[in-house]
C-alpha atoms as a PDB file:
ATOM      1  CA  MET A   1     -14.781 -17.418 -49.368  1.00  0.00           C
ATOM      2  CA  SER A   2     -13.217 -15.239 -46.484  1.00  0.00           C
ATOM      3  CA  ASN A   3      -9.558 -14.580 -45.568  1.00  0.00           C
ATOM      4  CA  LYS A   4     -10.072 -15.218 -41.788  1.00  0.00           C
ATOM      5  CA  ALA A   5      -9.079 -18.221 -40.452  1.00  0.00           C
ATOM      6  CA  ALA A   6     -11.784 -20.618 -39.019  1.00  0.00           C
ATOM      7  CA  LYS A   7     -11.187 -20.964 -35.051  1.00  0.00           C
ATOM      8  CA  PRO A   8     -11.219 -24.175 -34.083  1.00  0.00           C
ATOM      9  CA  PRO A   9     -14.223 -25.193 -31.843  1.00  0.00           C
ATOM     10  CA  VAL A  10     -14.571 -25.310 -27.880  1.00  0.00           C
ATOM     11  CA  LYS A  11     -14.378 -28.611 -26.528  1.00  0.00           C
ATOM     12  CA  PRO A  12     -17.401 -29.010 -23.862  1.00  0.00           C
ATOM     13  CA  ASP A  13     -14.730 -30.071 -21.020  1.00  0.00           C
ATOM     14  CA  ASN A  14     -12.703 -27.127 -22.167  1.00  0.00           C
ATOM     15  CA  LEU A  15     -15.439 -24.245 -21.951  1.00  0.00           C
ATOM     16  CA  ALA A  16     -16.653 -25.834 -18.695  1.00  0.00           C
ATOM     17  CA  ASP A  17     -13.081 -24.809 -17.349  1.00  0.00           C
ATOM     18  CA  GLN A  18     -13.479 -21.474 -18.701  1.00  0.00           C
ATOM     19  CA  ILE A  19     -16.678 -20.906 -17.513  1.00  0.00           C
ATOM     20  CA  GLY A  20     -15.421 -22.317 -13.730  1.00  0.00           C
ATOM     21  CA  THR A  21     -12.524 -20.288 -13.830  1.00  0.00           C
ATOM     22  CA  LYS A  22     -14.657 -16.996 -14.361  1.00  0.00           C
ATOM     23  CA  VAL A  23     -17.398 -17.942 -11.718  1.00  0.00           C
ATOM     24  CA  VAL A  24     -14.201 -18.240  -9.629  1.00  0.00           C
ATOM     25  CA  ARG A  25     -12.772 -15.271 -10.212  1.00  0.00           C
ATOM     26  CA  LYS A  26     -16.447 -13.635 -10.020  1.00  0.00           C
ATOM     27  CA  LEU A  27     -16.827 -14.786  -6.963  1.00  0.00           C
ATOM     28  CA  LYS A  28     -13.895 -13.528  -5.311  1.00  0.00           C
ATOM     29  CA  ALA A  29     -13.501 -10.177  -6.825  1.00  0.00           C
ATOM     30  CA  ARG A  30     -17.294  -9.742  -4.747  1.00  0.00           C
ATOM     31  CA  ARG A  31     -15.849 -11.152  -1.422  1.00  0.00           C
ATOM     32  CA  HIS A  32     -12.564  -8.770  -1.561  1.00  0.00           C
ATOM     33  CA  GLY A  33     -14.452  -5.945  -3.095  1.00  0.00           C
ATOM     34  CA  THR A  34     -12.816  -2.989  -4.934  1.00  0.00           C
ATOM     35  CA  PRO A  35     -11.158  -0.327  -2.442  1.00  0.00           C
ATOM     36  CA  GLY A  36     -12.622   2.955  -3.079  1.00  0.00           C
ATOM     37  CA  ILE A  37     -11.563   6.337  -2.994  1.00  0.00           C
ATOM     38  CA  TRP A  38     -11.813   6.994   0.962  1.00  0.00           C
ATOM     39  CA  PHE A  39     -10.197   3.803   1.258  1.00  0.00           C
ATOM     40  CA  GLY A  40      -7.544   5.577  -0.923  1.00  0.00           C
ATOM     41  CA  MET A  41      -7.751   8.533   1.119  1.00  0.00           C
ATOM     42  CA  GLY A  42      -7.940   7.260   4.459  1.00  0.00           C
ATOM     43  CA  MET A  43      -4.515   5.441   3.546  1.00  0.00           C
ATOM     44  CA  MET A  44      -2.647   8.788   2.331  1.00  0.00           C
ATOM     45  CA  GLY A  45      -3.777   9.953   5.762  1.00  0.00           C
ATOM     46  CA  LEU A  46      -2.486   7.575   7.566  1.00  0.00           C
ATOM     47  CA  ILE A  47       1.077   7.985   6.217  1.00  0.00           C
ATOM     48  CA  GLY A  48       0.739  11.170   6.317  1.00  0.00           C
ATOM     49  CA  TRP A  49       0.519  11.151  10.050  1.00  0.00           C
ATOM     50  CA  SER A  50       3.035   8.368  10.029  1.00  0.00           C
ATOM     51  CA  VAL A  51       5.686  11.138   8.746  1.00  0.00           C
ATOM     52  CA  ALA A  52       4.333  13.846  10.650  1.00  0.00           C
ATOM     53  CA  THR A  53       4.204  13.029  14.026  1.00  0.00           C
ATOM     54  CA  PRO A  54       7.586  11.844  14.204  1.00  0.00           C
ATOM     55  CA  THR A  55       8.759  14.723  12.909  1.00  0.00           C
ATOM     56  CA  LEU A  56       6.295  17.272  15.037  1.00  0.00           C
ATOM     57  CA  LEU A  57       7.476  15.037  18.254  1.00  0.00           C
ATOM     58  CA  GLY A  58      11.172  16.067  17.104  1.00  0.00           C
ATOM     59  CA  VAL A  59      10.872  19.649  16.942  1.00  0.00           C
ATOM     60  CA  ALA A  60       8.970  20.032  20.446  1.00  0.00           C
ATOM     61  CA  LEU A  61      11.672  17.980  21.842  1.00  0.00           C
ATOM     62  CA  GLY A  62      14.176  19.876  19.942  1.00  0.00           C
ATOM     63  CA  MET A  63      12.377  23.284  21.329  1.00  0.00           C
ATOM     64  CA  TRP A  64      11.984  21.725  24.590  1.00  0.00           C
ATOM     65  CA  LEU A  65      15.893  21.077  24.650  1.00  0.00           C
ATOM     66  CA  ASP A  66      16.889  24.132  23.262  1.00  0.00           C
ATOM     67  CA  LYS A  67      15.095  26.064  25.818  1.00  0.00           C
ATOM     68  CA  HIS A  68      16.655  24.188  28.790  1.00  0.00           C
ATOM     69  CA  PHE A  69      19.770  23.294  27.921  1.00  0.00           C
ATOM     70  CA  PRO A  70      20.722  26.198  25.429  1.00  0.00           C
ATOM     71  CA  GLY A  71      24.301  25.188  23.621  1.00  0.00           C
ATOM     72  CA  LYS A  72      26.289  26.422  20.137  1.00  0.00           C
ATOM     73  CA  HIS A  73      23.663  24.646  17.974  1.00  0.00           C
ATOM     74  CA  PRO A  74      20.286  24.364  17.661  1.00  0.00           C
ATOM     75  CA  TRP A  75      18.537  21.058  19.203  1.00  0.00           C
ATOM     76  CA  THR A  76      15.301  22.207  17.356  1.00  0.00           C
ATOM     77  CA  LEU A  77      16.803  21.718  13.959  1.00  0.00           C
ATOM     78  CA  ALA A  78      18.744  18.706  14.417  1.00  0.00           C
ATOM     79  CA  LEU A  79      16.166  16.721  15.841  1.00  0.00           C
ATOM     80  CA  LEU A  80      13.205  18.029  13.143  1.00  0.00           C
ATOM     81  CA  MET A  81      15.317  16.583  10.279  1.00  0.00           C
ATOM     82  CA  ALA A  82      15.866  13.060  12.512  1.00  0.00           C
ATOM     83  CA  GLY A  83      12.276  12.984  13.400  1.00  0.00           C
ATOM     84  CA  LEU A  84      11.416  13.361   9.759  1.00  0.00           C
ATOM     85  CA  VAL A  85      13.840  10.544   8.499  1.00  0.00           C
ATOM     86  CA  LEU A  86      12.455   8.474  11.409  1.00  0.00           C
ATOM     87  CA  GLY A  87       8.722   9.106   9.935  1.00  0.00           C
ATOM     88  CA  CYS A  88       9.945   8.540   6.410  1.00  0.00           C
ATOM     89  CA  VAL A  89      11.341   4.950   7.252  1.00  0.00           C
ATOM     90  CA  ASN A  90       8.553   4.229   8.816  1.00  0.00           C
ATOM     91  CA  ALA A  91       5.730   4.885   5.875  1.00  0.00           C
ATOM     92  CA  TRP A  92       8.279   2.966   3.424  1.00  0.00           C
ATOM     93  CA  MET A  93       8.267   0.295   5.765  1.00  0.00           C
ATOM     94  CA  TRP A  94       4.596   0.293   6.322  1.00  0.00           C
ATOM     95  CA  VAL A  95       4.200   0.504   2.323  1.00  0.00           C
ATOM     96  CA  ALA A  96       6.554  -2.121   1.610  1.00  0.00           C
ATOM     97  CA  LYS A  97       4.696  -4.551   4.009  1.00  0.00           C
ATOM     98  CA  GLU A  98       1.309  -3.053   2.922  1.00  0.00           C
ATOM     99  CA  ASP A  99       2.318  -4.122  -1.112  1.00  0.00           C
ATOM    100  CA  LYS A 100       3.809  -7.608  -0.192  1.00  0.00           C
ATOM    101  CA  ALA A 101       0.308  -8.667   1.754  1.00  0.00           C
ATOM    102  CA  MET A 102      -1.377  -7.555  -1.266  1.00  0.00           C
ATOM    103  CA  HIS A 103       0.876  -9.233  -3.968  1.00  0.00           C
ATOM    104  CA  GLN A 104       0.786 -12.373  -1.276  1.00  0.00           C
ATOM    105  CA  GLN A 105      -2.885 -12.130  -1.332  1.00  0.00           C
ATOM    106  CA  ASP A 106      -2.679 -12.274  -5.044  1.00  0.00           C
ATOM    107  CA  GLU A 107      -0.680 -15.354  -5.824  1.00  0.00           C
ATOM    108  CA  GLU A 108      -3.275 -16.897  -3.312  1.00  0.00           C
ATOM    109  CA  ASP A 109      -6.123 -16.136  -5.098  1.00  0.00           C
ATOM    110  CA  ASN A 110      -4.106 -17.138  -8.436  1.00  0.00           C
ATOM    111  CA  ASP A 111      -3.606 -20.537  -6.854  1.00  0.00           C
ATOM    112  CA  GLU A 112      -7.113 -21.304  -6.266  1.00  0.00           C
END
């Protein structure tokens, strides 16, 4: 006699429910697919450009202002920082929106 406890037999309707759940999960996985490496690289590029674009625009505007309206303080540095902050906030909001959409999709999938 072994020391292992015998598992209770699975009821047929419970087994059918388990199989049904696994089938639904497998069909959802096929429908949505798993994002590949290129998807991740694309997202990193998109986030990078959402930070770089406002930063470069701030530098360009600052250089133009420094050339046409010279003053005591350089516009280029101030607008570089403003563009960088704006770009980071933009990227943060975009990532938060995508994260929220992914969690909502997971919740909807679990509810089905």
